[in-house]
Amino acid sequence: MVGWAMNASHGVSPPVPAHRVVNRLGILSGKHHFSPAGEMERRLQREGIKVENDRVVDFERLFWDPAKELGFEIQAAPVSIP
């Protein structure tokens, strides 16, 4: 869903930093939406993000978890076993 939103954001003002959106493993899964080839990685590198083999290095440290950062905790619903 996020990918669709990012793809639709091309040409809006102010620009959306879509190059920062990677998949849950830190893989540059949306790189094919950037032109020329390698542009997504170049933009990340300009921001000091190291990328190797189309994957963000040290992704666990860099990952922004909105639930954690905004003070929300996600709790699983209780399960009753008959």
N, C-alpha and C. Protein backbone atom coordinates (compact mmCIF):
# COMPACT_ATOMS: atom_id res chain seq x y z
N MET A 1 0.82 -1.19 0.00
CA MET A 1 0.00 0.00 0.00
C MET A 1 0.87 1.26 0.00
N VAL A 2 1.92 1.26 0.81
CA VAL A 2 2.82 2.41 0.86
C VAL A 2 3.45 2.62 -0.50
N GLY A 3 3.82 1.54 -1.15
CA GLY A 3 4.42 1.64 -2.48
C GLY A 3 3.51 2.34 -3.48
N TRP A 4 2.24 2.03 -3.44
CA TRP A 4 1.29 2.68 -4.34
C TRP A 4 1.22 4.17 -4.06
N ALA A 5 1.20 4.53 -2.79
CA ALA A 5 1.15 5.95 -2.42
C ALA A 5 2.41 6.67 -2.87
N MET A 6 3.55 6.04 -2.69
CA MET A 6 4.81 6.67 -3.11
C MET A 6 4.87 6.82 -4.62
N ASN A 7 4.41 5.81 -5.33
CA ASN A 7 4.42 5.87 -6.80
C ASN A 7 3.52 6.99 -7.29
N ALA A 8 2.42 7.25 -6.60
CA ALA A 8 1.49 8.30 -7.00
C ALA A 8 1.99 9.69 -6.60
N SER A 9 3.06 9.75 -5.81
CA SER A 9 3.53 11.03 -5.30
C SER A 9 4.49 11.77 -6.23
N HIS A 10 4.87 11.15 -7.32
CA HIS A 10 5.79 11.79 -8.26
C HIS A 10 5.18 13.09 -8.78
N GLY A 11 5.95 14.15 -8.73
CA GLY A 11 5.52 15.42 -9.28
C GLY A 11 4.74 16.31 -8.32
N VAL A 12 4.52 15.87 -7.08
CA VAL A 12 3.80 16.72 -6.13
C VAL A 12 4.76 17.73 -5.52
N SER A 13 4.20 18.80 -4.99
CA SER A 13 5.02 19.81 -4.36
C SER A 13 4.50 20.06 -2.95
N PRO A 14 5.34 20.04 -1.93
CA PRO A 14 6.77 19.76 -1.98
C PRO A 14 7.02 18.28 -2.29
N PRO A 15 8.21 17.97 -2.79
CA PRO A 15 8.51 16.58 -3.15
C PRO A 15 8.47 15.64 -1.94
N VAL A 16 7.99 14.44 -2.17
CA VAL A 16 7.94 13.41 -1.13
C VAL A 16 9.26 12.63 -1.20
N PRO A 17 9.95 12.43 -0.06
CA PRO A 17 11.23 11.70 -0.08
C PRO A 17 11.02 10.19 -0.22
N ALA A 18 10.45 9.79 -1.35
CA ALA A 18 10.10 8.39 -1.57
C ALA A 18 11.32 7.48 -1.56
N HIS A 19 12.50 8.01 -1.81
CA HIS A 19 13.70 7.17 -1.82
C HIS A 19 14.00 6.59 -0.43
N ARG A 20 13.38 7.12 0.60
CA ARG A 20 13.59 6.63 1.97
C ARG A 20 12.70 5.43 2.29
N VAL A 21 11.78 5.09 1.42
CA VAL A 21 10.86 3.99 1.69
C VAL A 21 11.45 2.70 1.13
N VAL A 22 11.79 1.80 2.05
CA VAL A 22 12.32 0.49 1.69
C VAL A 22 11.40 -0.56 2.32
N ASN A 23 11.59 -1.82 1.96
CA ASN A 23 10.71 -2.83 2.54
C ASN A 23 11.12 -3.17 3.97
N ARG A 24 10.43 -4.08 4.60
CA ARG A 24 10.62 -4.37 6.01
C ARG A 24 11.98 -4.98 6.33
N LEU A 25 12.71 -5.38 5.30
CA LEU A 25 14.04 -5.94 5.50
C LEU A 25 15.14 -4.95 5.14
N GLY A 26 14.74 -3.75 4.71
CA GLY A 26 15.73 -2.74 4.32
C GLY A 26 16.14 -2.84 2.86
N ILE A 27 15.43 -3.62 2.08
CA ILE A 27 15.75 -3.82 0.67
C ILE A 27 15.12 -2.71 -0.16
N LEU A 28 15.86 -2.20 -1.14
CA LEU A 28 15.39 -1.13 -2.01
C LEU A 28 14.42 -1.70 -3.04
N SER A 29 13.27 -2.15 -2.57
CA SER A 29 12.30 -2.84 -3.43
C SER A 29 11.64 -1.90 -4.44
N GLY A 30 11.68 -0.59 -4.20
CA GLY A 30 11.07 0.35 -5.13
C GLY A 30 12.05 1.02 -6.07
N LYS A 31 13.26 0.49 -6.15
CA LYS A 31 14.31 1.14 -6.94
C LYS A 31 13.97 1.27 -8.42
N HIS A 32 13.16 0.38 -8.93
CA HIS A 32 12.81 0.43 -10.36
C HIS A 32 11.92 1.64 -10.70
N HIS A 33 11.42 2.35 -9.69
CA HIS A 33 10.60 3.54 -9.92
C HIS A 33 11.44 4.80 -10.08
N PHE A 34 12.75 4.67 -9.90
CA PHE A 34 13.64 5.83 -9.99
C PHE A 34 14.45 5.76 -11.27
N SER A 35 14.62 6.93 -11.86
CA SER A 35 15.41 7.03 -13.08
C SER A 35 16.41 8.15 -12.91
N PRO A 36 17.62 7.92 -13.34
CA PRO A 36 18.19 6.74 -13.98
C PRO A 36 18.42 5.61 -12.98
N ALA A 37 18.83 4.45 -13.50
CA ALA A 37 19.10 3.30 -12.64
C ALA A 37 20.10 3.69 -11.56
N GLY A 38 19.85 3.26 -10.34
CA GLY A 38 20.73 3.55 -9.22
C GLY A 38 20.43 4.85 -8.50
N GLU A 39 19.42 5.59 -8.95
CA GLU A 39 19.11 6.90 -8.36
C GLU A 39 18.64 6.78 -6.92
N MET A 40 17.85 5.76 -6.59
CA MET A 40 17.38 5.60 -5.22
C MET A 40 18.56 5.41 -4.28
N GLU A 41 19.49 4.55 -4.66
CA GLU A 41 20.67 4.31 -3.84
C GLU A 41 21.52 5.58 -3.72
N ARG A 42 21.70 6.33 -4.80
CA ARG A 42 22.48 7.57 -4.75
C ARG A 42 21.86 8.58 -3.79
N ARG A 43 20.54 8.70 -3.82
CA ARG A 43 19.87 9.64 -2.91
C ARG A 43 20.07 9.24 -1.45
N LEU A 44 19.98 7.96 -1.16
CA LEU A 44 20.20 7.48 0.20
C LEU A 44 21.65 7.74 0.62
N GLN A 45 22.57 7.47 -0.26
CA GLN A 45 23.98 7.68 0.06
C GLN A 45 24.28 9.16 0.30
N ARG A 46 23.64 10.05 -0.43
CA ARG A 46 23.83 11.48 -0.19
C ARG A 46 23.36 11.88 1.21
N GLU A 47 22.45 11.11 1.78
CA GLU A 47 21.96 11.36 3.14
C GLU A 47 22.77 10.59 4.19
N GLY A 48 23.84 9.95 3.76
CA GLY A 48 24.70 9.23 4.69
C GLY A 48 24.29 7.80 4.96
N ILE A 49 23.36 7.26 4.19
CA ILE A 49 22.90 5.89 4.35
C ILE A 49 23.74 4.98 3.46
N LYS A 50 24.35 3.97 4.06
CA LYS A 50 25.16 3.03 3.30
C LYS A 50 24.27 1.92 2.75
N VAL A 51 24.47 1.60 1.47
CA VAL A 51 23.68 0.57 0.81
C VAL A 51 24.65 -0.43 0.18
N GLU A 52 24.40 -1.70 0.41
CA GLU A 52 25.18 -2.77 -0.22
C GLU A 52 24.23 -3.81 -0.77
N ASN A 53 24.45 -4.18 -2.02
CA ASN A 53 23.62 -5.21 -2.67
C ASN A 53 22.13 -4.88 -2.56
N ASP A 54 21.79 -3.62 -2.82
CA ASP A 54 20.39 -3.15 -2.81
C ASP A 54 19.73 -3.28 -1.44
N ARG A 55 20.52 -3.22 -0.37
CA ARG A 55 19.98 -3.33 0.98
C ARG A 55 20.65 -2.29 1.89
N VAL A 56 19.85 -1.64 2.73
CA VAL A 56 20.37 -0.65 3.67
C VAL A 56 21.19 -1.36 4.74
N VAL A 57 22.44 -0.90 4.90
CA VAL A 57 23.33 -1.46 5.91
C VAL A 57 22.91 -0.91 7.27
N ASP A 58 22.91 -1.76 8.27
CA ASP A 58 22.52 -1.39 9.64
C ASP A 58 21.07 -0.90 9.71
N PHE A 59 20.22 -1.57 8.95
CA PHE A 59 18.81 -1.17 8.86
C PHE A 59 18.10 -1.19 10.22
N GLU A 60 18.43 -2.15 11.06
CA GLU A 60 17.77 -2.25 12.36
C GLU A 60 17.97 -0.98 13.18
N ARG A 61 19.14 -0.37 13.07
CA ARG A 61 19.43 0.86 13.81
C ARG A 61 18.73 2.07 13.18
N LEU A 62 18.58 2.07 11.87
CA LEU A 62 18.02 3.21 11.16
C LEU A 62 16.50 3.19 11.04
N PHE A 63 15.90 2.01 11.20
CA PHE A 63 14.46 1.84 11.00
C PHE A 63 13.65 2.75 11.92
N TRP A 64 12.70 3.44 11.34
CA TRP A 64 11.80 4.29 12.11
C TRP A 64 10.51 3.53 12.34
N ASP A 65 10.23 3.22 13.60
CA ASP A 65 9.02 2.50 13.97
C ASP A 65 8.04 3.51 14.55
N PRO A 66 7.02 3.91 13.79
CA PRO A 66 6.11 4.95 14.27
C PRO A 66 5.41 4.57 15.57
N ALA A 67 5.07 3.31 15.75
CA ALA A 67 4.40 2.91 16.99
C ALA A 67 5.31 3.16 18.19
N LYS A 68 6.56 2.82 18.04
CA LYS A 68 7.52 3.02 19.12
C LYS A 68 7.80 4.51 19.35
N GLU A 69 8.06 5.23 18.27
CA GLU A 69 8.43 6.64 18.36
C GLU A 69 7.29 7.52 18.87
N LEU A 70 6.06 7.14 18.57
CA LEU A 70 4.91 7.94 18.99
C LEU A 70 4.31 7.45 20.31
N GLY A 71 4.92 6.43 20.91
CA GLY A 71 4.48 5.97 22.22
C GLY A 71 3.31 5.01 22.20
N PHE A 72 3.03 4.41 21.05
CA PHE A 72 1.94 3.44 20.97
C PHE A 72 2.53 2.04 21.06
N GLU A 73 1.84 1.18 21.75
CA GLU A 73 2.24 -0.21 21.78
C GLU A 73 1.16 -1.03 21.13
N ILE A 74 1.59 -1.89 20.25
CA ILE A 74 0.64 -2.77 19.56
C ILE A 74 0.54 -4.05 20.38
N GLN A 75 -0.69 -4.38 20.77
CA GLN A 75 -0.91 -5.57 21.57
C GLN A 75 -1.79 -6.53 20.79
N ALA A 76 -1.45 -7.77 20.87
CA ALA A 76 -2.25 -8.78 20.20
C ALA A 76 -3.56 -8.97 20.96
N ALA A 77 -4.61 -9.24 20.22
CA ALA A 77 -5.90 -9.49 20.84
C ALA A 77 -5.84 -10.83 21.60
N PRO A 78 -6.52 -10.90 22.73
CA PRO A 78 -6.50 -12.16 23.49
C PRO A 78 -7.16 -13.27 22.67
N VAL A 79 -6.60 -14.44 22.82
CA VAL A 79 -7.12 -15.61 22.10
C VAL A 79 -7.66 -16.59 23.13
N SER A 80 -8.89 -17.02 22.91
CA SER A 80 -9.44 -18.03 23.82
C SER A 80 -9.48 -19.35 23.08
N ILE A 81 -9.03 -20.38 23.77
CA ILE A 81 -9.00 -21.72 23.18
C ILE A 81 -10.12 -22.53 23.82
N PRO A 82 -11.04 -23.02 22.98
CA PRO A 82 -12.19 -23.79 23.55
C PRO A 82 -11.79 -25.11 24.13
